[in-house]
PDB file of N, CA and C in Angstrom:
ATOM      1  N   MET A   1     -30.350 -17.933 -21.716  1.00  0.00           N
ATOM      2  CA  MET A   1     -31.186 -18.987 -22.252  1.00  0.00           C
ATOM      3  C   MET A   1     -30.694 -20.297 -21.803  1.00  0.00           C
ATOM      4  N   LEU A   2     -29.423 -20.585 -21.828  1.00  0.00           N
ATOM      5  CA  LEU A   2     -28.898 -21.895 -21.564  1.00  0.00           C
ATOM      6  C   LEU A   2     -29.201 -22.197 -20.056  1.00  0.00           C
ATOM      7  N   ALA A   3     -28.970 -21.147 -19.230  1.00  0.00           N
ATOM      8  CA  ALA A   3     -29.225 -21.383 -17.738  1.00  0.00           C
ATOM      9  C   ALA A   3     -30.675 -21.695 -17.501  1.00  0.00           C
ATOM     10  N   ARG A   4     -31.655 -20.977 -18.224  1.00  0.00           N
ATOM     11  CA  ARG A   4     -33.060 -21.295 -18.112  1.00  0.00           C
ATOM     12  C   ARG A   4     -33.419 -22.653 -18.506  1.00  0.00           C
ATOM     13  N   LEU A   5     -32.812 -23.032 -19.645  1.00  0.00           N
ATOM     14  CA  LEU A   5     -33.101 -24.360 -20.134  1.00  0.00           C
ATOM     15  C   LEU A   5     -32.550 -25.461 -19.288  1.00  0.00           C
ATOM     16  N   ALA A   6     -31.348 -25.203 -18.631  1.00  0.00           N
ATOM     17  CA  ALA A   6     -30.750 -26.129 -17.619  1.00  0.00           C
ATOM     18  C   ALA A   6     -31.684 -26.314 -16.484  1.00  0.00           C
ATOM     19  N   ALA A   7     -32.236 -25.162 -16.074  1.00  0.00           N
ATOM     20  CA  ALA A   7     -33.248 -25.254 -14.904  1.00  0.00           C
ATOM     21  C   ALA A   7     -34.371 -26.103 -15.271  1.00  0.00           C
ATOM     22  N   VAL A   8     -34.951 -25.877 -16.447  1.00  0.00           N
ATOM     23  CA  VAL A   8     -36.017 -26.738 -16.808  1.00  0.00           C
ATOM     24  C   VAL A   8     -35.729 -28.263 -16.869  1.00  0.00           C
ATOM     25  N   LEU A   9     -34.566 -28.505 -17.463  1.00  0.00           N
ATOM     26  CA  LEU A   9     -34.150 -29.847 -17.540  1.00  0.00           C
ATOM     27  C   LEU A   9     -33.939 -30.458 -16.145  1.00  0.00           C
ATOM     28  N   GLU A  10     -33.320 -29.725 -15.252  1.00  0.00           N
ATOM     29  CA  GLU A  10     -33.250 -30.100 -13.871  1.00  0.00           C
ATOM     30  C   GLU A  10     -34.659 -30.521 -13.181  1.00  0.00           C
ATOM     31  N   SER A  11     -35.569 -29.708 -13.528  1.00  0.00           N
ATOM     32  CA  SER A  11     -36.924 -29.927 -12.970  1.00  0.00           C
ATOM     33  C   SER A  11     -37.571 -31.196 -13.464  1.00  0.00           C
ATOM     34  N   ARG A  12     -37.053 -31.658 -14.572  1.00  0.00           N
ATOM     35  CA  ARG A  12     -37.676 -32.882 -15.247  1.00  0.00           C
ATOM     36  C   ARG A  12     -37.080 -34.210 -14.714  1.00  0.00           C
ATOM     37  N   LYS A  13     -36.032 -34.069 -13.887  1.00  0.00           N
ATOM     38  CA  LYS A  13     -35.378 -35.262 -13.335  1.00  0.00           C
ATOM     39  C   LYS A  13     -36.408 -36.010 -12.482  1.00  0.00           C
ATOM     40  N   PRO A  14     -36.382 -37.362 -12.505  1.00  0.00           N
ATOM     41  CA  PRO A  14     -37.405 -38.108 -11.685  1.00  0.00           C
ATOM     42  C   PRO A  14     -37.259 -37.657 -10.237  1.00  0.00           C
ATOM     43  N   GLU A  15     -36.114 -37.545  -9.736  1.00  0.00           N
ATOM     44  CA  GLU A  15     -35.976 -37.115  -8.327  1.00  0.00           C
ATOM     45  C   GLU A  15     -36.525 -35.697  -7.943  1.00  0.00           C
ATOM     46  N   ASN A  16     -36.825 -34.926  -9.005  1.00  0.00           N
ATOM     47  CA  ASN A  16     -37.506 -33.576  -8.822  1.00  0.00           C
ATOM     48  C   ASN A  16     -38.921 -33.645  -9.360  1.00  0.00           C
ATOM     49  N   GLY A  17     -39.477 -34.706  -9.397  1.00  0.00           N
ATOM     50  CA  GLY A  17     -40.845 -34.870  -9.781  1.00  0.00           C
ATOM     51  C   GLY A  17     -41.172 -35.061 -11.236  1.00  0.00           C
ATOM     52  N   GLY A  18     -40.091 -35.083 -12.087  1.00  0.00           N
ATOM     53  CA  GLY A  18     -40.396 -35.177 -13.588  1.00  0.00           C
ATOM     54  C   GLY A  18     -41.226 -36.510 -13.939  1.00  0.00           C
ATOM     55  N   ASP A  19     -42.156 -36.360 -14.668  1.00  0.00           N
ATOM     56  CA  ASP A  19     -43.186 -37.451 -14.928  1.00  0.00           C
ATOM     57  C   ASP A  19     -42.964 -37.853 -16.346  1.00  0.00           C
ATOM     58  N   PRO A  20     -42.402 -39.134 -16.575  1.00  0.00           N
ATOM     59  CA  PRO A  20     -42.168 -39.709 -17.817  1.00  0.00           C
ATOM     60  C   PRO A  20     -43.404 -39.721 -18.793  1.00  0.00           C
ATOM     61  N   ASP A  21     -44.553 -39.740 -18.146  1.00  0.00           N
ATOM     62  CA  ASP A  21     -45.741 -39.859 -18.864  1.00  0.00           C
ATOM     63  C   ASP A  21     -46.144 -38.417 -19.464  1.00  0.00           C
ATOM     64  N   LYS A  22     -45.579 -37.439 -18.969  1.00  0.00           N
ATOM     65  CA  LYS A  22     -46.024 -36.028 -19.295  1.00  0.00           C
ATOM     66  C   LYS A  22     -44.818 -35.218 -19.869  1.00  0.00           C
ATOM     67  N   SER A  23     -43.580 -35.688 -19.834  1.00  0.00           N
ATOM     68  CA  SER A  23     -42.483 -34.918 -20.295  1.00  0.00           C
ATOM     69  C   SER A  23     -41.526 -35.839 -21.089  1.00  0.00           C
ATOM     70  N   TYR A  24     -41.193 -35.370 -22.338  1.00  0.00           N
ATOM     71  CA  TYR A  24     -40.193 -36.138 -23.108  1.00  0.00           C
ATOM     72  C   TYR A  24     -38.789 -36.179 -22.377  1.00  0.00           C
ATOM     73  N   VAL A  25     -38.414 -35.128 -21.747  1.00  0.00           N
ATOM     74  CA  VAL A  25     -37.027 -35.115 -21.047  1.00  0.00           C
ATOM     75  C   VAL A  25     -37.139 -36.149 -19.828  1.00  0.00           C
ATOM     76  N   ALA A  26     -38.239 -35.980 -19.113  1.00  0.00           N
ATOM     77  CA  ALA A  26     -38.389 -36.958 -17.902  1.00  0.00           C
ATOM     78  C   ALA A  26     -38.329 -38.381 -18.524  1.00  0.00           C
ATOM     79  N   ARG A  27     -38.935 -38.639 -19.678  1.00  0.00           N
ATOM     80  CA  ARG A  27     -38.895 -39.971 -20.229  1.00  0.00           C
ATOM     81  C   ARG A  27     -37.441 -40.421 -20.597  1.00  0.00           C
ATOM     82  N   LEU A  28     -36.707 -39.442 -21.159  1.00  0.00           N
ATOM     83  CA  LEU A  28     -35.131 -39.774 -21.439  1.00  0.00           C
ATOM     84  C   LEU A  28     -34.559 -40.138 -20.134  1.00  0.00           C
ATOM     85  N   PHE A  29     -34.685 -39.207 -19.135  1.00  0.00           N
ATOM     86  CA  PHE A  29     -34.016 -39.526 -17.831  1.00  0.00           C
ATOM     87  C   PHE A  29     -34.440 -40.848 -17.302  1.00  0.00           C
ATOM     88  N   HIS A  30     -35.698 -41.144 -17.419  1.00  0.00           N
ATOM     89  CA  HIS A  30     -36.234 -42.450 -16.897  1.00  0.00           C
ATOM     90  C   HIS A  30     -35.585 -43.601 -17.659  1.00  0.00           C
ATOM     91  N   LYS A  31     -35.452 -43.484 -18.924  1.00  0.00           N
ATOM     92  CA  LYS A  31     -34.849 -44.558 -19.787  1.00  0.00           C
ATOM     93  C   LYS A  31     -33.502 -44.727 -19.472  1.00  0.00           C
ATOM     94  N   GLY A  32     -32.647 -43.678 -19.038  1.00  0.00           N
ATOM     95  CA  GLY A  32     -31.279 -43.739 -18.616  1.00  0.00           C
ATOM     96  C   GLY A  32     -30.338 -43.293 -19.639  1.00  0.00           C
ATOM     97  N   ASP A  33     -29.136 -43.458 -19.313  1.00  0.00           N
ATOM     98  CA  ASP A  33     -27.916 -42.877 -20.117  1.00  0.00           C
ATOM     99  C   ASP A  33     -27.876 -43.304 -21.527  1.00  0.00           C
ATOM    100  N   ASP A  34     -28.170 -44.684 -21.719  1.00  0.00           N
ATOM    101  CA  ASP A  34     -28.114 -45.153 -23.113  1.00  0.00           C
ATOM    102  C   ASP A  34     -29.110 -44.520 -24.035  1.00  0.00           C
ATOM    103  N   ALA A  35     -30.293 -44.135 -23.525  1.00  0.00           N
ATOM    104  CA  ALA A  35     -31.371 -43.527 -24.330  1.00  0.00           C
ATOM    105  C   ALA A  35     -30.791 -42.124 -24.699  1.00  0.00           C
ATOM    106  N   ILE A  36     -30.317 -41.415 -23.740  1.00  0.00           N
ATOM    107  CA  ILE A  36     -29.809 -40.049 -23.948  1.00  0.00           C
ATOM    108  C   ILE A  36     -28.630 -40.052 -25.004  1.00  0.00           C
ATOM    109  N   LEU A  37     -27.689 -40.999 -24.826  1.00  0.00           N
ATOM    110  CA  LEU A  37     -26.570 -41.180 -25.712  1.00  0.00           C
ATOM    111  C   LEU A  37     -27.066 -41.536 -27.145  1.00  0.00           C
ATOM    112  N   LYS A  38     -28.037 -42.365 -27.251  1.00  0.00           N
ATOM    113  CA  LYS A  38     -28.567 -42.712 -28.549  1.00  0.00           C
ATOM    114  C   LYS A  38     -29.142 -41.460 -29.260  1.00  0.00           C
ATOM    115  N   LYS A  39     -29.841 -40.618 -28.462  1.00  0.00           N
ATOM    116  CA  LYS A  39     -30.405 -39.388 -29.164  1.00  0.00           C
ATOM    117  C   LYS A  39     -29.254 -38.491 -29.516  1.00  0.00           C
ATOM    118  N   ILE A  40     -28.171 -38.350 -28.753  1.00  0.00           N
ATOM    119  CA  ILE A  40     -27.113 -37.538 -29.157  1.00  0.00           C
ATOM    120  C   ILE A  40     -26.516 -38.028 -30.419  1.00  0.00           C
ATOM    121  N   GLY A  41     -26.310 -39.360 -30.563  1.00  0.00           N
ATOM    122  CA  GLY A  41     -25.747 -39.872 -31.798  1.00  0.00           C
ATOM    123  C   GLY A  41     -26.681 -39.685 -32.928  1.00  0.00           C
ATOM    124  N   GLU A  42     -27.984 -39.774 -32.751  1.00  0.00           N
ATOM    125  CA  GLU A  42     -28.948 -39.444 -33.871  1.00  0.00           C
ATOM    126  C   GLU A  42     -28.868 -38.044 -34.294  1.00  0.00           C
ATOM    127  N   GLU A  43     -28.879 -37.102 -33.307  1.00  0.00           N
ATOM    128  CA  GLU A  43     -28.817 -35.695 -33.546  1.00  0.00           C
ATOM    129  C   GLU A  43     -27.520 -35.245 -34.168  1.00  0.00           C
ATOM    130  N   ALA A  44     -26.368 -35.937 -33.791  1.00  0.00           N
ATOM    131  CA  ALA A  44     -25.138 -35.618 -34.417  1.00  0.00           C
ATOM    132  C   ALA A  44     -25.122 -36.059 -35.917  1.00  0.00           C
ATOM    133  N   THR A  45     -25.671 -37.227 -36.187  1.00  0.00           N
ATOM    134  CA  THR A  45     -25.810 -37.672 -37.539  1.00  0.00           C
ATOM    135  C   THR A  45     -26.634 -36.713 -38.352  1.00  0.00           C
ATOM    136  N   GLU A  46     -27.729 -36.294 -37.764  1.00  0.00           N
ATOM    137  CA  GLU A  46     -28.647 -35.384 -38.496  1.00  0.00           C
ATOM    138  C   GLU A  46     -28.033 -34.021 -38.728  1.00  0.00           C
ATOM    139  N   THR A  47     -27.181 -33.584 -37.832  1.00  0.00           N
ATOM    140  CA  THR A  47     -26.417 -32.369 -37.967  1.00  0.00           C
ATOM    141  C   THR A  47     -25.529 -32.429 -39.272  1.00  0.00           C
ATOM    142  N   VAL A  48     -24.653 -33.560 -39.243  1.00  0.00           N
ATOM    143  CA  VAL A  48     -23.849 -33.826 -40.327  1.00  0.00           C
ATOM    144  C   VAL A  48     -24.491 -33.853 -41.686  1.00  0.00           C
ATOM    145  N   MET A  49     -25.669 -34.454 -41.701  1.00  0.00           N
ATOM    146  CA  MET A  49     -26.408 -34.573 -42.964  1.00  0.00           C
ATOM    147  C   MET A  49     -26.916 -33.236 -43.383  1.00  0.00           C
ATOM    148  N   ALA A  50     -27.410 -32.415 -42.388  1.00  0.00           N
ATOM    149  CA  ALA A  50     -27.892 -31.132 -42.852  1.00  0.00           C
ATOM    150  C   ALA A  50     -26.815 -30.190 -43.307  1.00  0.00           C
ATOM    151  N   ALA A  51     -25.592 -30.409 -42.713  1.00  0.00           N
ATOM    152  CA  ALA A  51     -24.548 -29.511 -43.152  1.00  0.00           C
ATOM    153  C   ALA A  51     -24.068 -29.978 -44.646  1.00  0.00           C
ATOM    154  N   LYS A  52     -24.018 -31.284 -44.888  1.00  0.00           N
ATOM    155  CA  LYS A  52     -23.762 -31.836 -46.149  1.00  0.00           C
ATOM    156  C   LYS A  52     -24.784 -31.250 -47.187  1.00  0.00           C
ATOM    157  N   ASP A  53     -26.043 -31.327 -46.797  1.00  0.00           N
ATOM    158  CA  ASP A  53     -27.070 -30.869 -47.707  1.00  0.00           C
ATOM    159  C   ASP A  53     -26.982 -29.370 -47.944  1.00  0.00           C
ATOM    160  N   ALA A  54     -26.593 -28.651 -46.945  1.00  0.00           N
ATOM    161  CA  ALA A  54     -26.468 -27.154 -47.046  1.00  0.00           C
ATOM    162  C   ALA A  54     -25.329 -26.769 -48.017  1.00  0.00           C
ATOM    163  N   ARG A  55     -24.227 -27.542 -47.845  1.00  0.00           N
ATOM    164  CA  ARG A  55     -23.077 -27.393 -48.719  1.00  0.00           C
ATOM    165  C   ARG A  55     -23.489 -27.615 -50.126  1.00  0.00           C
ATOM    166  N   ALA A  56     -24.311 -28.710 -50.462  1.00  0.00           N
ATOM    167  CA  ALA A  56     -24.654 -29.128 -51.745  1.00  0.00           C
ATOM    168  C   ALA A  56     -25.643 -28.048 -52.315  1.00  0.00           C
ATOM    169  N   ALA A  57     -26.418 -27.547 -51.515  1.00  0.00           N
ATOM    170  CA  ALA A  57     -27.391 -26.421 -51.875  1.00  0.00           C
ATOM    171  C   ALA A  57     -26.804 -25.111 -51.998  1.00  0.00           C
ATOM    172  N   GLY A  58     -25.539 -24.982 -51.855  1.00  0.00           N
ATOM    173  CA  GLY A  58     -24.911 -23.669 -52.043  1.00  0.00           C
ATOM    174  C   GLY A  58     -25.117 -22.779 -50.770  1.00  0.00           C
ATOM    175  N   LEU A  59     -25.405 -23.337 -49.656  1.00  0.00           N
ATOM    176  CA  LEU A  59     -25.578 -22.579 -48.349  1.00  0.00           C
ATOM    177  C   LEU A  59     -26.692 -21.604 -48.487  1.00  0.00           C
ATOM    178  N   GLY A  60     -27.770 -21.920 -49.060  1.00  0.00           N
ATOM    179  CA  GLY A  60     -28.890 -21.135 -49.189  1.00  0.00           C
ATOM    180  C   GLY A  60     -29.603 -21.031 -47.794  1.00  0.00           C
ATOM    181  N   PRO A  61     -30.408 -19.995 -47.598  1.00  0.00           N
ATOM    182  CA  PRO A  61     -31.036 -19.641 -46.290  1.00  0.00           C
ATOM    183  C   PRO A  61     -31.762 -20.933 -45.677  1.00  0.00           C
ATOM    184  N   GLU A  62     -32.542 -21.568 -46.521  1.00  0.00           N
ATOM    185  CA  GLU A  62     -33.321 -22.770 -46.057  1.00  0.00           C
ATOM    186  C   GLU A  62     -32.464 -23.861 -45.557  1.00  0.00           C
ATOM    187  N   ALA A  63     -31.337 -24.149 -46.438  1.00  0.00           N
ATOM    188  CA  ALA A  63     -30.494 -25.235 -46.080  1.00  0.00           C
ATOM    189  C   ALA A  63     -29.671 -24.966 -44.722  1.00  0.00           C
ATOM    190  N   VAL A  64     -29.222 -23.752 -44.663  1.00  0.00           N
ATOM    191  CA  VAL A  64     -28.496 -23.236 -43.494  1.00  0.00           C
ATOM    192  C   VAL A  64     -29.408 -23.300 -42.263  1.00  0.00           C
ATOM    193  N   GLY A  65     -30.642 -22.821 -42.461  1.00  0.00           N
ATOM    194  CA  GLY A  65     -31.619 -22.898 -41.337  1.00  0.00           C
ATOM    195  C   GLY A  65     -31.775 -24.379 -40.777  1.00  0.00           C
ATOM    196  N   LYS A  66     -31.681 -25.307 -41.651  1.00  0.00           N
ATOM    197  CA  LYS A  66     -31.811 -26.688 -41.239  1.00  0.00           C
ATOM    198  C   LYS A  66     -30.519 -27.106 -40.398  1.00  0.00           C
ATOM    199  N   VAL A  67     -29.405 -26.555 -40.700  1.00  0.00           N
ATOM    200  CA  VAL A  67     -28.209 -26.780 -39.909  1.00  0.00           C
ATOM    201  C   VAL A  67     -28.511 -26.222 -38.549  1.00  0.00           C
ATOM    202  N   VAL A  68     -28.974 -25.017 -38.387  1.00  0.00           N
ATOM    203  CA  VAL A  68     -29.225 -24.382 -37.156  1.00  0.00           C
ATOM    204  C   VAL A  68     -30.235 -25.233 -36.375  1.00  0.00           C
ATOM    205  N   TYR A  69     -31.265 -25.713 -37.013  1.00  0.00           N
ATOM    206  CA  TYR A  69     -32.314 -26.462 -36.301  1.00  0.00           C
ATOM    207  C   TYR A  69     -31.687 -27.854 -35.783  1.00  0.00           C
ATOM    208  N   GLU A  70     -30.820 -28.460 -36.522  1.00  0.00           N
ATOM    209  CA  GLU A  70     -30.174 -29.799 -36.171  1.00  0.00           C
ATOM    210  C   GLU A  70     -29.213 -29.463 -34.970  1.00  0.00           C
ATOM    211  N   VAL A  71     -28.439 -28.433 -35.097  1.00  0.00           N
ATOM    212  CA  VAL A  71     -27.520 -28.142 -34.044  1.00  0.00           C
ATOM    213  C   VAL A  71     -28.192 -27.872 -32.773  1.00  0.00           C
ATOM    214  N   ALA A  72     -29.383 -27.097 -32.818  1.00  0.00           N
ATOM    215  CA  ALA A  72     -30.147 -26.848 -31.611  1.00  0.00           C
ATOM    216  C   ALA A  72     -30.558 -28.211 -30.955  1.00  0.00           C
ATOM    217  N   ASP A  73     -30.980 -29.194 -31.812  1.00  0.00           N
ATOM    218  CA  ASP A  73     -31.368 -30.473 -31.251  1.00  0.00           C
ATOM    219  C   ASP A  73     -30.214 -31.171 -30.664  1.00  0.00           C
ATOM    220  N   LEU A  74     -29.016 -31.051 -31.242  1.00  0.00           N
ATOM    221  CA  LEU A  74     -27.753 -31.627 -30.684  1.00  0.00           C
ATOM    222  C   LEU A  74     -27.426 -30.977 -29.319  1.00  0.00           C
ATOM    223  N   TRP A  75     -27.459 -29.700 -29.340  1.00  0.00           N
ATOM    224  CA  TRP A  75     -27.156 -28.940 -28.085  1.00  0.00           C
ATOM    225  C   TRP A  75     -28.178 -29.303 -27.041  1.00  0.00           C
ATOM    226  N   PHE A  76     -29.436 -29.439 -27.377  1.00  0.00           N
ATOM    227  CA  PHE A  76     -30.488 -29.747 -26.391  1.00  0.00           C
ATOM    228  C   PHE A  76     -30.200 -31.074 -25.774  1.00  0.00           C
ATOM    229  N   HIS A  77     -29.957 -32.144 -26.585  1.00  0.00           N
ATOM    230  CA  HIS A  77     -29.729 -33.393 -26.082  1.00  0.00           C
ATOM    231  C   HIS A  77     -28.452 -33.576 -25.268  1.00  0.00           C
ATOM    232  N   SER A  78     -27.389 -32.771 -25.706  1.00  0.00           N
ATOM    233  CA  SER A  78     -26.170 -32.635 -24.953  1.00  0.00           C
ATOM    234  C   SER A  78     -26.361 -32.050 -23.599  1.00  0.00           C
ATOM    235  N   MET A  79     -27.297 -31.078 -23.460  1.00  0.00           N
ATOM    236  CA  MET A  79     -27.635 -30.544 -22.213  1.00  0.00           C
ATOM    237  C   MET A  79     -28.316 -31.476 -21.330  1.00  0.00           C
ATOM    238  N   VAL A  80     -29.208 -32.345 -21.933  1.00  0.00           N
ATOM    239  CA  VAL A  80     -29.901 -33.395 -21.193  1.00  0.00           C
ATOM    240  C   VAL A  80     -28.803 -34.313 -20.567  1.00  0.00           C
ATOM    241  N   LEU A  81     -27.735 -34.687 -21.321  1.00  0.00           N
ATOM    242  CA  LEU A  81     -26.700 -35.504 -20.814  1.00  0.00           C
ATOM    243  C   LEU A  81     -25.898 -34.773 -19.623  1.00  0.00           C
ATOM    244  N   LEU A  82     -25.598 -33.430 -19.891  1.00  0.00           N
ATOM    245  CA  LEU A  82     -24.991 -32.650 -18.831  1.00  0.00           C
ATOM    246  C   LEU A  82     -25.822 -32.806 -17.505  1.00  0.00           C
ATOM    247  N   ALA A  83     -27.040 -32.565 -17.667  1.00  0.00           N
ATOM    248  CA  ALA A  83     -27.972 -32.495 -16.539  1.00  0.00           C
ATOM    249  C   ALA A  83     -27.872 -33.936 -15.811  1.00  0.00           C
ATOM    250  N   ARG A  84     -27.956 -34.963 -16.652  1.00  0.00           N
ATOM    251  CA  ARG A  84     -27.872 -36.351 -16.048  1.00  0.00           C
ATOM    252  C   ARG A  84     -26.699 -36.596 -15.246  1.00  0.00           C
ATOM    253  N   PHE A  85     -25.630 -35.890 -15.537  1.00  0.00           N
ATOM    254  CA  PHE A  85     -24.310 -36.021 -14.794  1.00  0.00           C
ATOM    255  C   PHE A  85     -24.165 -34.896 -13.722  1.00  0.00           C
ATOM    256  N   GLY A  86     -25.145 -34.208 -13.578  1.00  0.00           N
ATOM    257  CA  GLY A  86     -25.125 -33.031 -12.523  1.00  0.00           C
ATOM    258  C   GLY A  86     -24.180 -31.888 -13.013  1.00  0.00           C
ATOM    259  N   LEU A  87     -24.133 -31.700 -14.359  1.00  0.00           N
ATOM    260  CA  LEU A  87     -23.237 -30.651 -14.844  1.00  0.00           C
ATOM    261  C   LEU A  87     -24.171 -29.487 -15.416  1.00  0.00           C
ATOM    262  N   LYS A  88     -23.588 -28.301 -15.583  1.00  0.00           N
ATOM    263  CA  LYS A  88     -24.365 -27.199 -16.121  1.00  0.00           C
ATOM    264  C   LYS A  88     -23.676 -26.759 -17.330  1.00  0.00           C
ATOM    265  N   PRO A  89     -24.365 -25.907 -18.132  1.00  0.00           N
ATOM    266  CA  PRO A  89     -23.808 -25.317 -19.355  1.00  0.00           C
ATOM    267  C   PRO A  89     -22.542 -24.451 -19.027  1.00  0.00           C
ATOM    268  N   ALA A  90     -22.583 -23.909 -17.873  1.00  0.00           N
ATOM    269  CA  ALA A  90     -21.414 -23.075 -17.376  1.00  0.00           C
ATOM    270  C   ALA A  90     -20.087 -23.969 -17.286  1.00  0.00           C
ATOM    271  N   ASP A  91     -20.309 -25.185 -17.024  1.00  0.00           N
ATOM    272  CA  ASP A  91     -19.150 -26.072 -16.917  1.00  0.00           C
ATOM    273  C   ASP A  91     -18.434 -26.206 -18.305  1.00  0.00           C
ATOM    274  N   VAL A  92     -19.241 -26.294 -19.364  1.00  0.00           N
ATOM    275  CA  VAL A  92     -18.755 -26.358 -20.681  1.00  0.00           C
ATOM    276  C   VAL A  92     -18.192 -24.946 -21.154  1.00  0.00           C
ATOM    277  N   VAL A  93     -18.894 -23.834 -20.787  1.00  0.00           N
ATOM    278  CA  VAL A  93     -18.376 -22.576 -21.056  1.00  0.00           C
ATOM    279  C   VAL A  93     -17.036 -22.300 -20.361  1.00  0.00           C
ATOM    280  N   ASN A  94     -16.930 -22.793 -19.210  1.00  0.00           N
ATOM    281  CA  ASN A  94     -15.689 -22.607 -18.451  1.00  0.00           C
ATOM    282  C   ASN A  94     -14.521 -23.374 -19.082  1.00  0.00           C
ATOM    283  N   GLU A  95     -14.837 -24.472 -19.623  1.00  0.00           N
ATOM    284  CA  GLU A  95     -13.825 -25.299 -20.335  1.00  0.00           C
ATOM    285  C   GLU A  95     -13.355 -24.650 -21.610  1.00  0.00           C
ATOM    286  N   LEU A  96     -14.358 -24.030 -22.279  1.00  0.00           N
ATOM    287  CA  LEU A  96     -14.085 -23.337 -23.483  1.00  0.00           C
ATOM    288  C   LEU A  96     -13.153 -22.112 -23.154  1.00  0.00           C
ATOM    289  N   ALA A  97     -13.560 -21.407 -22.040  1.00  0.00           N
ATOM    290  CA  ALA A  97     -12.755 -20.216 -21.582  1.00  0.00           C
ATOM    291  C   ALA A  97     -11.301 -20.707 -21.304  1.00  0.00           C
ATOM    292  N   ARG A  98     -11.173 -21.841 -20.720  1.00  0.00           N
ATOM    293  CA  ARG A  98      -9.890 -22.292 -20.305  1.00  0.00           C
ATOM    294  C   ARG A  98      -9.065 -22.580 -21.542  1.00  0.00           C
ATOM    295  N   ARG A  99      -9.646 -22.954 -22.649  1.00  0.00           N
ATOM    296  CA  ARG A  99      -8.964 -23.263 -23.999  1.00  0.00           C
ATOM    297  C   ARG A  99      -8.708 -21.980 -24.728  1.00  0.00           C
ATOM    298  N   GLU A 100      -9.447 -20.960 -24.438  1.00  0.00           N
ATOM    299  CA  GLU A 100      -9.235 -19.664 -25.180  1.00  0.00           C
ATOM    300  C   GLU A 100      -7.716 -19.228 -25.262  1.00  0.00           C
ATOM    301  N   GLY A 101      -7.346 -18.980 -26.501  1.00  0.00           N
ATOM    302  CA  GLY A 101      -6.070 -18.474 -26.689  1.00  0.00           C
ATOM    303  C   GLY A 101      -5.066 -19.675 -26.932  1.00  0.00           C
ATOM    304  N   LEU A 102      -5.505 -20.853 -26.630  1.00  0.00           N
ATOM    305  CA  LEU A 102      -4.592 -22.086 -26.785  1.00  0.00           C
ATOM    306  C   LEU A 102      -4.713 -22.412 -28.201  1.00  0.00           C
ATOM    307  N   SER A 103      -3.593 -22.800 -28.896  1.00  0.00           N
ATOM    308  CA  SER A 103      -3.498 -23.461 -30.230  1.00  0.00           C
ATOM    309  C   SER A 103      -4.205 -24.807 -30.076  1.00  0.00           C
ATOM    310  N   GLY A 104      -5.143 -25.164 -30.914  1.00  0.00           N
ATOM    311  CA  GLY A 104      -5.804 -26.468 -30.928  1.00  0.00           C
ATOM    312  C   GLY A 104      -4.717 -27.466 -31.091  1.00  0.00           C
ATOM    313  N   LEU A 105      -3.672 -27.263 -31.860  1.00  0.00           N
ATOM    314  CA  LEU A 105      -2.648 -28.257 -32.108  1.00  0.00           C
ATOM    315  C   LEU A 105      -1.856 -28.336 -30.870  1.00  0.00           C
ATOM    316  N   GLU A 106      -1.571 -27.328 -30.167  1.00  0.00           N
ATOM    317  CA  GLU A 106      -0.760 -27.392 -28.882  1.00  0.00           C
ATOM    318  C   GLU A 106      -1.613 -28.082 -27.840  1.00  0.00           C
ATOM    319  N   GLU A 107      -2.799 -27.834 -27.798  1.00  0.00           N
ATOM    320  CA  GLU A 107      -3.696 -28.460 -26.746  1.00  0.00           C
ATOM    321  C   GLU A 107      -3.839 -30.012 -26.983  1.00  0.00           C
ATOM    322  N   LYS A 108      -3.910 -30.335 -28.272  1.00  0.00           N
ATOM    323  CA  LYS A 108      -3.913 -31.766 -28.600  1.00  0.00           C
ATOM    324  C   LYS A 108      -2.597 -32.374 -28.163  1.00  0.00           C
ATOM    325  N   ALA A 109      -1.526 -31.803 -28.476  1.00  0.00           N
ATOM    326  CA  ALA A 109      -0.164 -32.358 -28.161  1.00  0.00           C
ATOM    327  C   ALA A 109      -0.043 -32.439 -26.692  1.00  0.00           C
ATOM    328  N   GLN A 110      -0.513 -31.463 -25.821  1.00  0.00           N
ATOM    329  CA  GLN A 110      -0.446 -31.616 -24.435  1.00  0.00           C
ATOM    330  C   GLN A 110      -1.161 -32.809 -23.865  1.00  0.00           C
ATOM    331  N   ARG A 111      -2.486 -33.067 -24.435  1.00  0.00           N
ATOM    332  CA  ARG A 111      -3.279 -34.136 -24.079  1.00  0.00           C
ATOM    333  C   ARG A 111      -2.485 -35.471 -24.266  1.00  0.00           C
ATOM    334  N   LYS A 112      -1.870 -35.586 -25.356  1.00  0.00           N
ATOM    335  CA  LYS A 112      -1.069 -36.787 -25.703  1.00  0.00           C
ATOM    336  C   LYS A 112       0.065 -36.976 -24.752  1.00  0.00           C
ATOM    337  N   ALA A 113       0.692 -35.853 -24.364  1.00  0.00           N
ATOM    338  CA  ALA A 113       1.856 -35.863 -23.442  1.00  0.00           C
ATOM    339  C   ALA A 113       1.346 -36.253 -22.102  1.00  0.00           C
ATOM    340  N   ASP A 114       0.069 -35.890 -21.711  1.00  0.00           N
ATOM    341  CA  ASP A 114      -0.383 -36.179 -20.454  1.00  0.00           C
ATOM    342  C   ASP A 114      -1.055 -37.557 -20.397  1.00  0.00           C
ATOM    343  N   GLY A 115      -0.989 -38.235 -21.551  1.00  0.00           N
ATOM    344  CA  GLY A 115      -1.502 -39.628 -21.583  1.00  0.00           C
ATOM    345  C   GLY A 115      -3.071 -39.681 -21.885  1.00  0.00           C
ATOM    346  N   GLY A 116      -3.520 -38.537 -22.386  1.00  0.00           N
ATOM    347  CA  GLY A 116      -5.009 -38.465 -22.670  1.00  0.00           C
ATOM    348  C   GLY A 116      -5.336 -38.461 -24.025  1.00  0.00           C
TER     349      GLY A 116
END
């Protein structure tokens, strides 16, 4: 699914014939990085709010469904950003695989030691 979506996003780039008058994604690409980043920020906020609402509602199916909906929007717009920079979902999956088995605390400490 992610690879198919990435291919569609790639096809919406202006250099691949994406038409901003006919495609939401092409319009985002046309507007540039700041428009994409703004959408990611909005979707991240909506995800946080949906999770808070789900928690307050006792994690009922409707509330949890809203979390899934918002996370899907967040992932989608994150994938638009990846495409903007010539990256693929596999790049993120590979990074997650690299981290597999690493303690999050150890990984964070290593980044600090490396100056990151």
